[in-house]
Amino acid sequence: MAVQKVRITHTGANNVGELYLADVGRRNSLGGGASIYEYGQDIYLHPPTTDINPVTGVPYLNYVDLVATSQVLLSIDRGIIYTYSNGDFAGTLTVVFL
């Protein structure tokens, strides 16, 4: 059985720069400190660009494929992804179920 995935794409609309998906993939089991609950697993989306990432040597990606976990679905419904796809900055992100 295939795992349901979601492709989140940064369109570059609304003059929004790099986005950090803070509510996706929280590391709740690490340490239990209050601040650990506020940060995701370093998932960044960049506007479409040809700039090269100096660390990896490849262009920055403007999309990410995520497993449709409860955290991802919650973000699509009312979190960061919602804000930039349907909320105040609608059109900045697109959401496609793969």
C-alpha atoms as a PDB file:
ATOM      1  CA  MET A   1       0.000   0.000   0.000  1.00  0.00           C
ATOM      2  CA  ALA A   2       1.393   3.386  -1.009  1.00  0.00           C
ATOM      3  CA  VAL A   3       2.012   6.109   1.541  1.00  0.00           C
ATOM      4  CA  GLN A   4      -0.006   9.285   0.927  1.00  0.00           C
ATOM      5  CA  LYS A   5       2.271  12.254   0.267  1.00  0.00           C
ATOM      6  CA  VAL A   6       1.736  15.961  -0.186  1.00  0.00           C
ATOM      7  CA  ARG A   7       3.809  18.305  -2.366  1.00  0.00           C
ATOM      8  CA  ILE A   8       4.093  21.822  -0.969  1.00  0.00           C
ATOM      9  CA  THR A   9       5.407  24.313  -3.546  1.00  0.00           C
ATOM     10  CA  HIS A  10       6.537  27.912  -2.971  1.00  0.00           C
ATOM     11  CA  THR A  11       5.250  29.926  -5.939  1.00  0.00           C
ATOM     12  CA  GLY A  12       7.113  33.150  -5.177  1.00  0.00           C
ATOM     13  CA  ALA A  13       3.821  35.083  -5.091  1.00  0.00           C
ATOM     14  CA  ASN A  14       3.137  37.941  -2.668  1.00  0.00           C
ATOM     15  CA  ASN A  15       6.851  38.809  -2.449  1.00  0.00           C
ATOM     16  CA  VAL A  16       7.293  36.279   0.359  1.00  0.00           C
ATOM     17  CA  GLY A  17      10.839  35.025   0.795  1.00  0.00           C
ATOM     18  CA  GLU A  18      12.056  31.840   2.423  1.00  0.00           C
ATOM     19  CA  LEU A  19       9.459  30.057   4.582  1.00  0.00           C
ATOM     20  CA  TYR A  20      10.185  27.859   7.580  1.00  0.00           C
ATOM     21  CA  LEU A  21       7.491  25.231   8.193  1.00  0.00           C
ATOM     22  CA  ALA A  22       7.671  25.501  11.980  1.00  0.00           C
ATOM     23  CA  ASP A  23       4.595  23.379  12.675  1.00  0.00           C
ATOM     24  CA  VAL A  24       5.576  20.400  10.508  1.00  0.00           C
ATOM     25  CA  GLY A  25       7.578  17.511  11.959  1.00  0.00           C
ATOM     26  CA  ARG A  26       7.921  18.757  15.510  1.00  0.00           C
ATOM     27  CA  ARG A  27      10.502  16.875  17.524  1.00  0.00           C
ATOM     28  CA  ASN A  28       8.418  16.404  20.673  1.00  0.00           C
ATOM     29  CA  SER A  29      10.544  13.594  22.064  1.00  0.00           C
ATOM     30  CA  LEU A  30      13.831  15.494  22.230  1.00  0.00           C
ATOM     31  CA  GLY A  31      14.552  16.811  25.693  1.00  0.00           C
ATOM     32  CA  GLY A  32      11.064  18.023  26.557  1.00  0.00           C
ATOM     33  CA  GLY A  33      12.147  21.662  26.783  1.00  0.00           C
ATOM     34  CA  ALA A  34       9.463  24.233  26.012  1.00  0.00           C
ATOM     35  CA  SER A  35      11.235  25.654  22.977  1.00  0.00           C
ATOM     36  CA  ILE A  36      11.688  22.238  21.339  1.00  0.00           C
ATOM     37  CA  TYR A  37       7.931  22.149  20.682  1.00  0.00           C
ATOM     38  CA  GLU A  38       8.054  25.317  18.616  1.00  0.00           C
ATOM     39  CA  TYR A  39      10.457  24.173  15.929  1.00  0.00           C
ATOM     40  CA  GLY A  40      10.096  21.686  13.089  1.00  0.00           C
ATOM     41  CA  GLN A  41      12.773  19.614  11.408  1.00  0.00           C
ATOM     42  CA  ASP A  42      14.422  22.445   9.504  1.00  0.00           C
ATOM     43  CA  ILE A  43      12.055  22.363   6.541  1.00  0.00           C
ATOM     44  CA  TYR A  44      12.589  25.518   4.489  1.00  0.00           C
ATOM     45  CA  LEU A  45      10.916  26.474   1.225  1.00  0.00           C
ATOM     46  CA  HIS A  46      12.491  29.041  -1.050  1.00  0.00           C
ATOM     47  CA  PRO A  47      10.874  31.109  -3.788  1.00  0.00           C
ATOM     48  CA  PRO A  48      11.751  29.857  -7.295  1.00  0.00           C
ATOM     49  CA  THR A  49      15.421  30.691  -7.885  1.00  0.00           C
ATOM     50  CA  THR A  50      18.544  29.538  -9.666  1.00  0.00           C
ATOM     51  CA  ASP A  51      20.751  30.399  -6.667  1.00  0.00           C
ATOM     52  CA  ILE A  52      23.044  27.592  -5.528  1.00  0.00           C
ATOM     53  CA  ASN A  53      23.060  26.399  -1.935  1.00  0.00           C
ATOM     54  CA  PRO A  54      26.714  26.793  -0.839  1.00  0.00           C
ATOM     55  CA  VAL A  55      26.463  23.820   1.533  1.00  0.00           C
ATOM     56  CA  THR A  56      25.007  21.239  -0.865  1.00  0.00           C
ATOM     57  CA  GLY A  57      26.124  22.747  -4.182  1.00  0.00           C
ATOM     58  CA  VAL A  58      22.644  22.317  -5.724  1.00  0.00           C
ATOM     59  CA  PRO A  59      19.932  24.937  -6.377  1.00  0.00           C
ATOM     60  CA  TYR A  60      17.559  25.750  -3.546  1.00  0.00           C
ATOM     61  CA  LEU A  61      14.309  23.798  -3.872  1.00  0.00           C
ATOM     62  CA  ASN A  62      10.984  25.573  -4.005  1.00  0.00           C
ATOM     63  CA  TYR A  63       9.039  22.408  -3.140  1.00  0.00           C
ATOM     64  CA  VAL A  64       9.065  19.587  -0.633  1.00  0.00           C
ATOM     65  CA  ASP A  65       7.260  16.223  -0.630  1.00  0.00           C
ATOM     66  CA  LEU A  66       5.979  15.309   2.821  1.00  0.00           C
ATOM     67  CA  VAL A  67       4.229  12.240   4.166  1.00  0.00           C
ATOM     68  CA  ALA A  68       0.639  13.246   4.993  1.00  0.00           C
ATOM     69  CA  THR A  69       1.030  12.879   8.763  1.00  0.00           C
ATOM     70  CA  SER A  70      -1.401  14.425  11.220  1.00  0.00           C
ATOM     71  CA  GLN A  71       0.978  17.376  11.724  1.00  0.00           C
ATOM     72  CA  VAL A  72       1.168  18.063   7.989  1.00  0.00           C
ATOM     73  CA  LEU A  73      -2.609  17.786   7.586  1.00  0.00           C
ATOM     74  CA  LEU A  74      -3.172  20.082  10.566  1.00  0.00           C
ATOM     75  CA  SER A  75      -0.788  22.642   9.065  1.00  0.00           C
ATOM     76  CA  ILE A  76      -2.712  22.461   5.766  1.00  0.00           C
ATOM     77  CA  ASP A  77      -6.002  22.870   7.635  1.00  0.00           C
ATOM     78  CA  ARG A  78      -5.090  25.745   9.965  1.00  0.00           C
ATOM     79  CA  GLY A  79      -1.338  26.251  10.339  1.00  0.00           C
ATOM     80  CA  ILE A  80       1.591  27.730   8.431  1.00  0.00           C
ATOM     81  CA  ILE A  81       0.719  25.969   5.173  1.00  0.00           C
ATOM     82  CA  TYR A  82      -2.888  27.198   5.411  1.00  0.00           C
ATOM     83  CA  THR A  83      -1.778  30.793   6.038  1.00  0.00           C
ATOM     84  CA  TYR A  84       0.325  30.838   2.887  1.00  0.00           C
ATOM     85  CA  SER A  85      -1.976  28.780   0.650  1.00  0.00           C
ATOM     86  CA  ASN A  86      -5.494  29.953   1.586  1.00  0.00           C
ATOM     87  CA  GLY A  87      -5.145  32.505   4.381  1.00  0.00           C
ATOM     88  CA  ASP A  88      -3.638  35.980   4.566  1.00  0.00           C
ATOM     89  CA  PHE A  89      -0.952  35.234   1.967  1.00  0.00           C
ATOM     90  CA  ALA A  90      -3.040  32.992  -0.312  1.00  0.00           C
ATOM     91  CA  GLY A  91      -1.222  31.768  -3.398  1.00  0.00           C
ATOM     92  CA  THR A  92       2.266  31.778  -1.912  1.00  0.00           C
ATOM     93  CA  LEU A  93       2.129  28.000  -1.415  1.00  0.00           C
ATOM     94  CA  THR A  94       0.322  25.360  -3.422  1.00  0.00           C
ATOM     95  CA  VAL A  95      -0.727  22.014  -1.961  1.00  0.00           C
ATOM     96  CA  VAL A  96      -1.071  18.894  -4.128  1.00  0.00           C
ATOM     97  CA  PHE A  97      -1.765  15.393  -2.809  1.00  0.00           C
ATOM     98  CA  LEU A  98       0.397  12.874  -4.683  1.00  0.00           C
END
